[in-house]
């Protein structure tokens, strides 16, 4: 099951493939300092072609096992400008996943993250049948809070010391959207 690419002027998401390792490595390396305050500590292995290839191969196995769905964000010329991931997929009565994303610094402020988030929410509800998608955002990340709001997720709570990022346990606001809310917004 693969989501069809929706032609958009801003960006398109598509499943990550091992052949993307070099372009993803280049983008992640150029943005390493920019991403560092917002992400868990990254292994230096990830910043090698072999390490990136192994990481993407693990993501493909996680996709097949219905645990994590990793997408490349491409610009309108097919260039790698970020990634967006549905992870922590829980089935059963919950039917939930969390979403995380990163966008090349030079493409920030252009609506890329918002468009990618809208596309992955559609994938979550229409393609893999989830009921709910969650996102968490550090309290001081105003840009990401705007992305989440524009994509239609609502604030559902505050989680002190929620994730260890940049070496410290960080407080986060938690946002979510259900399939019903998404349909009410006219997206479904």
Protein backbone atom coordinates (compact mmCIF):
# COMPACT_ATOMS: atom_id res chain seq x y z
CA UNK A 1 0.00 0.00 0.00
CA UNK A 2 1.55 3.28 -1.12
CA UNK A 3 -0.03 6.69 -0.97
CA UNK A 4 -0.29 8.32 -4.35
CA UNK A 5 1.68 11.53 -4.67
CA UNK A 6 -0.56 14.56 -4.73
CA UNK A 7 0.88 17.24 -7.01
CA UNK A 8 1.20 20.43 -4.96
CA UNK A 9 3.10 23.61 -5.64
CA UNK A 10 4.56 23.58 -2.12
CA UNK A 11 5.55 19.97 -1.50
CA UNK A 12 4.73 16.30 -1.87
CA UNK A 13 5.29 13.48 0.58
CA UNK A 14 6.25 9.96 -0.44
CA UNK A 15 7.56 6.90 1.38
CA UNK A 16 11.29 6.98 2.16
CA UNK A 17 13.33 4.52 0.09
CA UNK A 18 16.94 3.32 0.52
CA UNK A 19 17.78 5.19 -2.71
CA UNK A 20 16.96 8.44 -0.83
CA UNK A 21 19.85 7.96 1.62
CA UNK A 22 22.32 10.31 -0.11
CA UNK A 23 19.88 13.20 -0.58
CA UNK A 24 18.45 12.79 2.92
CA UNK A 25 21.97 12.63 4.39
CA UNK A 26 22.95 15.80 2.53
CA UNK A 27 19.86 17.69 3.73
CA UNK A 28 20.20 16.45 7.35
CA UNK A 29 23.93 17.27 7.43
CA UNK A 30 23.40 20.81 6.10
CA UNK A 31 20.68 21.36 8.73
CA UNK A 32 22.30 19.53 11.64
CA UNK A 33 22.73 22.65 13.81
CA UNK A 34 19.28 23.95 12.84
CA UNK A 35 17.54 20.67 13.80
CA UNK A 36 19.57 19.97 16.95
CA UNK A 37 17.48 22.01 19.47
CA UNK A 38 14.28 20.24 18.40
CA UNK A 39 15.37 16.60 18.16
CA UNK A 40 16.64 13.75 20.32
CA UNK A 41 20.40 13.32 20.32
CA UNK A 42 21.33 11.76 16.98
CA UNK A 43 23.89 9.03 16.62
CA UNK A 44 26.92 10.06 14.59
CA UNK A 45 26.27 6.83 12.63
CA UNK A 46 23.19 8.51 11.15
CA UNK A 47 25.45 11.08 9.52
CA UNK A 48 27.13 8.54 7.24
CA UNK A 49 25.75 7.13 4.01
CA UNK A 50 25.85 3.60 5.41
CA UNK A 51 24.14 4.70 8.64
CA UNK A 52 21.42 6.62 6.78
CA UNK A 53 20.81 3.66 4.47
CA UNK A 54 20.45 1.29 7.44
CA UNK A 55 18.10 3.77 9.15
CA UNK A 56 15.86 3.98 6.07
CA UNK A 57 15.88 0.19 5.71
CA UNK A 58 14.71 -0.09 9.35
CA UNK A 59 11.99 2.44 8.61
CA UNK A 60 10.84 0.26 5.68
CA UNK A 61 10.67 -2.79 7.99
CA UNK A 62 8.69 -0.71 10.51
CA UNK A 63 6.30 0.31 7.69
CA UNK A 64 5.73 -3.35 6.77
CA UNK A 65 5.10 -4.15 10.46
CA UNK A 66 2.60 -1.25 10.86
CA UNK A 67 4.78 0.45 13.51
CA UNK A 68 6.09 3.60 11.78
CA UNK A 69 5.47 5.30 8.44
CA UNK A 70 8.35 7.50 7.25
CA UNK A 71 7.94 9.94 4.37
CA UNK A 72 10.32 12.17 2.49
CA UNK A 73 9.13 15.72 1.87
CA UNK A 74 10.01 16.86 -1.64
CA UNK A 75 9.78 20.27 -3.25
CA UNK A 76 8.04 20.75 -6.61
CA UNK A 77 11.30 19.77 -8.37
CA UNK A 78 11.65 16.46 -6.48
CA UNK A 79 14.39 17.72 -4.13
CA UNK A 80 14.56 16.45 -0.55
CA UNK A 81 13.48 19.25 1.81
CA UNK A 82 12.45 17.30 4.90
CA UNK A 83 10.81 14.33 6.47
CA UNK A 84 7.55 13.54 8.23
CA UNK A 85 6.92 10.42 10.25
CA UNK A 86 3.90 8.71 11.80
CA UNK A 87 5.32 6.68 14.68
CA UNK A 88 4.18 4.85 17.79
CA UNK A 89 1.29 3.34 15.84
CA UNK A 90 -1.11 1.71 18.28
CA UNK A 91 -3.98 -0.41 17.00
CA UNK A 92 -6.78 -2.05 18.99
CA UNK A 93 -9.20 0.32 20.70
CA UNK A 94 -6.85 3.34 20.34
CA UNK A 95 -6.01 3.45 16.59
CA UNK A 96 -3.52 6.28 17.21
CA UNK A 97 -0.10 7.48 16.05
CA UNK A 98 2.17 10.40 16.78
CA UNK A 99 3.58 12.63 14.07
CA UNK A 100 6.91 14.39 13.87
CA UNK A 101 8.45 16.42 11.07
CA UNK A 102 11.48 18.43 10.05
CA UNK A 103 11.95 20.87 7.17
CA UNK A 104 15.13 22.28 5.65
CA UNK A 105 15.91 25.69 7.17
CA UNK A 106 15.83 27.38 3.76
CA UNK A 107 12.26 26.14 3.25
CA UNK A 108 10.88 27.23 6.63
CA UNK A 109 8.05 29.74 6.62
CA UNK A 110 6.73 28.67 3.20
CA UNK A 111 3.92 26.36 4.33
CA UNK A 112 5.88 23.16 3.66
CA UNK A 113 5.41 21.64 7.12
CA UNK A 114 1.70 22.55 7.16
CA UNK A 115 1.11 20.98 3.75
CA UNK A 116 3.11 17.85 4.64
CA UNK A 117 1.19 17.51 7.90
CA UNK A 118 -2.15 17.78 6.08
CA UNK A 119 -1.02 15.09 3.63
CA UNK A 120 0.10 12.70 6.36
CA UNK A 121 -3.13 13.18 8.33
CA UNK A 122 -5.04 12.26 5.17
CA UNK A 123 -2.78 9.18 4.80
CA UNK A 124 -3.39 8.22 8.44
CA UNK A 125 -7.17 8.34 8.09
CA UNK A 126 -7.74 7.24 4.50
CA UNK A 127 -4.88 4.82 3.83
CA UNK A 128 -4.09 3.08 7.12
CA UNK A 129 -7.37 3.57 8.96
CA UNK A 130 -6.24 5.38 12.10
CA UNK A 131 -8.77 7.22 14.25
CA UNK A 132 -6.46 9.79 15.84
CA UNK A 133 -3.17 11.57 15.13
CA UNK A 134 -1.19 13.35 17.86
CA UNK A 135 1.64 15.87 17.77
CA UNK A 136 3.66 17.34 20.61
CA UNK A 137 5.44 20.68 20.47
CA UNK A 138 7.89 22.28 22.87
CA UNK A 139 6.41 25.26 24.68
CA UNK A 140 8.81 27.75 23.06
CA UNK A 141 8.38 26.46 19.47
CA UNK A 142 5.88 29.06 18.21
CA UNK A 143 6.44 28.18 14.53
CA UNK A 144 5.54 24.54 15.04
CA UNK A 145 2.46 25.50 17.07
CA UNK A 146 1.28 27.56 14.07
CA UNK A 147 1.90 24.61 11.72
CA UNK A 148 -0.17 22.32 13.94
CA UNK A 149 -3.04 24.83 14.24
CA UNK A 150 -3.13 25.48 10.47
CA UNK A 151 -3.32 21.72 9.87
CA UNK A 152 -6.42 21.53 12.09
CA UNK A 153 -5.09 19.80 15.20
CA UNK A 154 -6.50 21.04 18.51
CA UNK A 155 -4.69 21.55 21.81
CA UNK A 156 -5.51 18.72 24.20
CA UNK A 157 -3.05 19.23 27.02
CA UNK A 158 0.30 20.05 28.49
CA UNK A 159 2.94 17.44 29.31
CA UNK A 160 5.75 18.51 31.65
CA UNK A 161 9.17 16.95 30.94
CA UNK A 162 7.61 14.96 28.07
CA UNK A 163 10.58 14.23 25.78
CA UNK A 164 14.34 14.41 26.17
CA UNK A 165 15.50 16.74 23.40
CA UNK A 166 18.78 18.62 23.06
CA UNK A 167 19.97 16.86 26.22
CA UNK A 168 17.14 18.00 28.55
CA UNK A 169 13.63 16.88 29.42
CA UNK A 170 11.39 19.38 27.64
CA UNK A 171 7.81 20.45 28.41
CA UNK A 172 5.42 19.98 25.48
CA UNK A 173 1.96 20.99 24.41
CA UNK A 174 0.02 18.07 22.99
CA UNK A 175 -2.31 18.42 20.00
CA UNK A 176 -4.55 15.89 18.26
CA UNK A 177 -7.11 15.42 15.54
CA UNK A 178 -9.61 12.60 15.13
CA UNK A 179 -11.03 11.29 11.90
CA UNK A 180 -14.41 12.86 12.79
CA UNK A 181 -12.85 16.29 13.39
CA UNK A 182 -10.91 16.01 10.15
CA UNK A 183 -14.10 15.24 8.21
CA UNK A 184 -15.94 18.11 9.92
CA UNK A 185 -13.18 20.44 8.73
CA UNK A 186 -14.02 19.38 5.18
CA UNK A 187 -10.82 17.46 4.58
CA UNK A 188 -12.36 14.02 4.40
